[in-house]
Amino acid sequence: MHDEEPDTFVYKTWPEKFSDMLGEIGVDSEAKEIGTDDVELGDYYSRYFAQTPRMVTNRGCIGVKDSNIDVVQIIQKG
């Protein structure tokens, strides 16, 4: 490694990364643990339509403070 590069890397989950990005633009938010919010319990898409994906991965939730939006769920299609 070069002298300018750090020796350790801090692992961040997707909610932590998005919460940091929102903080940079002035939005107060907090990353939640995966599987702890009620939003994550239900189905993500309807199975009745052909163009909806079958495999959806839950990546976690972000709680947004001082906004009309309570929770933002991060999902991955594929």
Protein backbone atom coordinates (compact mmCIF):
# COMPACT_ATOMS: atom_id res chain seq x y z
CA MET A 1 0.00 0.00 0.00
CA HIS A 2 1.02 3.57 -0.55
CA ASP A 3 1.54 5.93 2.35
CA GLU A 4 -1.56 7.98 1.47
CA GLU A 5 -3.92 5.00 1.70
CA PRO A 6 -5.42 4.01 5.05
CA ASP A 7 -4.50 0.63 6.51
CA THR A 8 -7.99 -0.19 7.74
CA PHE A 9 -11.33 -0.14 5.95
CA VAL A 10 -14.59 0.60 7.75
CA TYR A 11 -17.37 -1.76 6.67
CA LYS A 12 -20.71 -0.02 6.19
CA THR A 13 -24.07 -1.53 5.35
CA TRP A 14 -26.22 -0.07 2.57
CA PRO A 15 -28.46 1.82 5.01
CA GLU A 16 -25.38 3.35 6.66
CA LYS A 17 -24.00 4.43 3.28
CA PHE A 18 -27.30 6.01 2.21
CA SER A 19 -27.73 7.68 5.60
CA ASP A 20 -24.27 9.25 5.24
CA MET A 21 -25.16 10.47 1.72
CA LEU A 22 -28.41 12.01 3.00
CA GLY A 23 -26.46 13.69 5.81
CA GLU A 24 -24.21 15.37 3.23
CA ILE A 25 -27.23 17.12 1.69
CA GLY A 26 -28.71 18.10 5.05
CA VAL A 27 -31.31 15.36 5.60
CA ASP A 28 -31.30 13.96 9.15
CA SER A 29 -31.65 10.17 9.06
CA GLU A 30 -30.58 7.01 10.86
CA ALA A 31 -29.77 3.53 9.57
CA LYS A 32 -31.86 0.73 11.05
CA GLU A 33 -30.91 -2.91 11.51
CA ILE A 34 -32.08 -5.29 8.80
CA GLY A 35 -35.36 -7.02 9.65
CA THR A 36 -36.34 -4.79 12.59
CA ASP A 37 -38.98 -2.58 10.93
CA ASP A 38 -42.61 -3.49 10.17
CA VAL A 39 -42.17 -2.37 6.54
CA GLU A 40 -39.84 -5.30 5.90
CA LEU A 41 -42.35 -7.99 6.88
CA GLY A 42 -44.71 -7.87 3.87
CA ASP A 43 -44.34 -8.82 0.21
CA TYR A 44 -42.54 -6.34 -1.98
CA TYR A 45 -44.29 -6.98 -5.30
CA SER A 46 -47.46 -8.63 -6.50
CA ARG A 47 -47.05 -12.11 -8.00
CA TYR A 48 -50.03 -11.67 -10.36
CA PHE A 49 -48.26 -9.62 -13.03
CA ALA A 50 -45.64 -11.04 -15.38
CA GLN A 51 -43.16 -8.14 -15.26
CA THR A 52 -42.67 -8.09 -11.49
CA PRO A 53 -39.49 -9.78 -10.28
CA ARG A 54 -39.62 -13.00 -8.29
CA MET A 55 -36.40 -12.50 -6.35
CA VAL A 56 -36.25 -9.41 -4.12
CA THR A 57 -33.56 -8.92 -1.49
CA ASN A 58 -34.11 -6.69 1.52
CA ARG A 59 -31.08 -4.43 2.14
CA GLY A 60 -32.47 -2.60 5.17
CA CYS A 61 -34.28 0.60 6.13
CA ILE A 62 -33.47 4.22 6.84
CA GLY A 63 -35.51 6.26 9.29
CA VAL A 64 -35.90 9.88 8.13
CA LYS A 65 -36.37 12.52 10.85
CA ASP A 66 -38.32 15.80 10.60
CA SER A 67 -40.02 14.81 7.34
CA ASN A 68 -43.33 13.48 6.01
CA ILE A 69 -41.44 10.30 5.11
CA ASP A 70 -41.00 7.95 8.07
CA VAL A 71 -39.04 5.05 6.61
CA VAL A 72 -37.24 4.34 3.32
CA GLN A 73 -36.71 0.66 2.52
CA ILE A 74 -33.77 -0.39 0.36
CA ILE A 75 -34.47 -3.44 -1.82
CA GLN A 76 -32.59 -5.17 -4.62
CA LYS A 77 -34.37 -6.74 -7.59
CA GLY A 78 -32.89 -9.60 -9.48
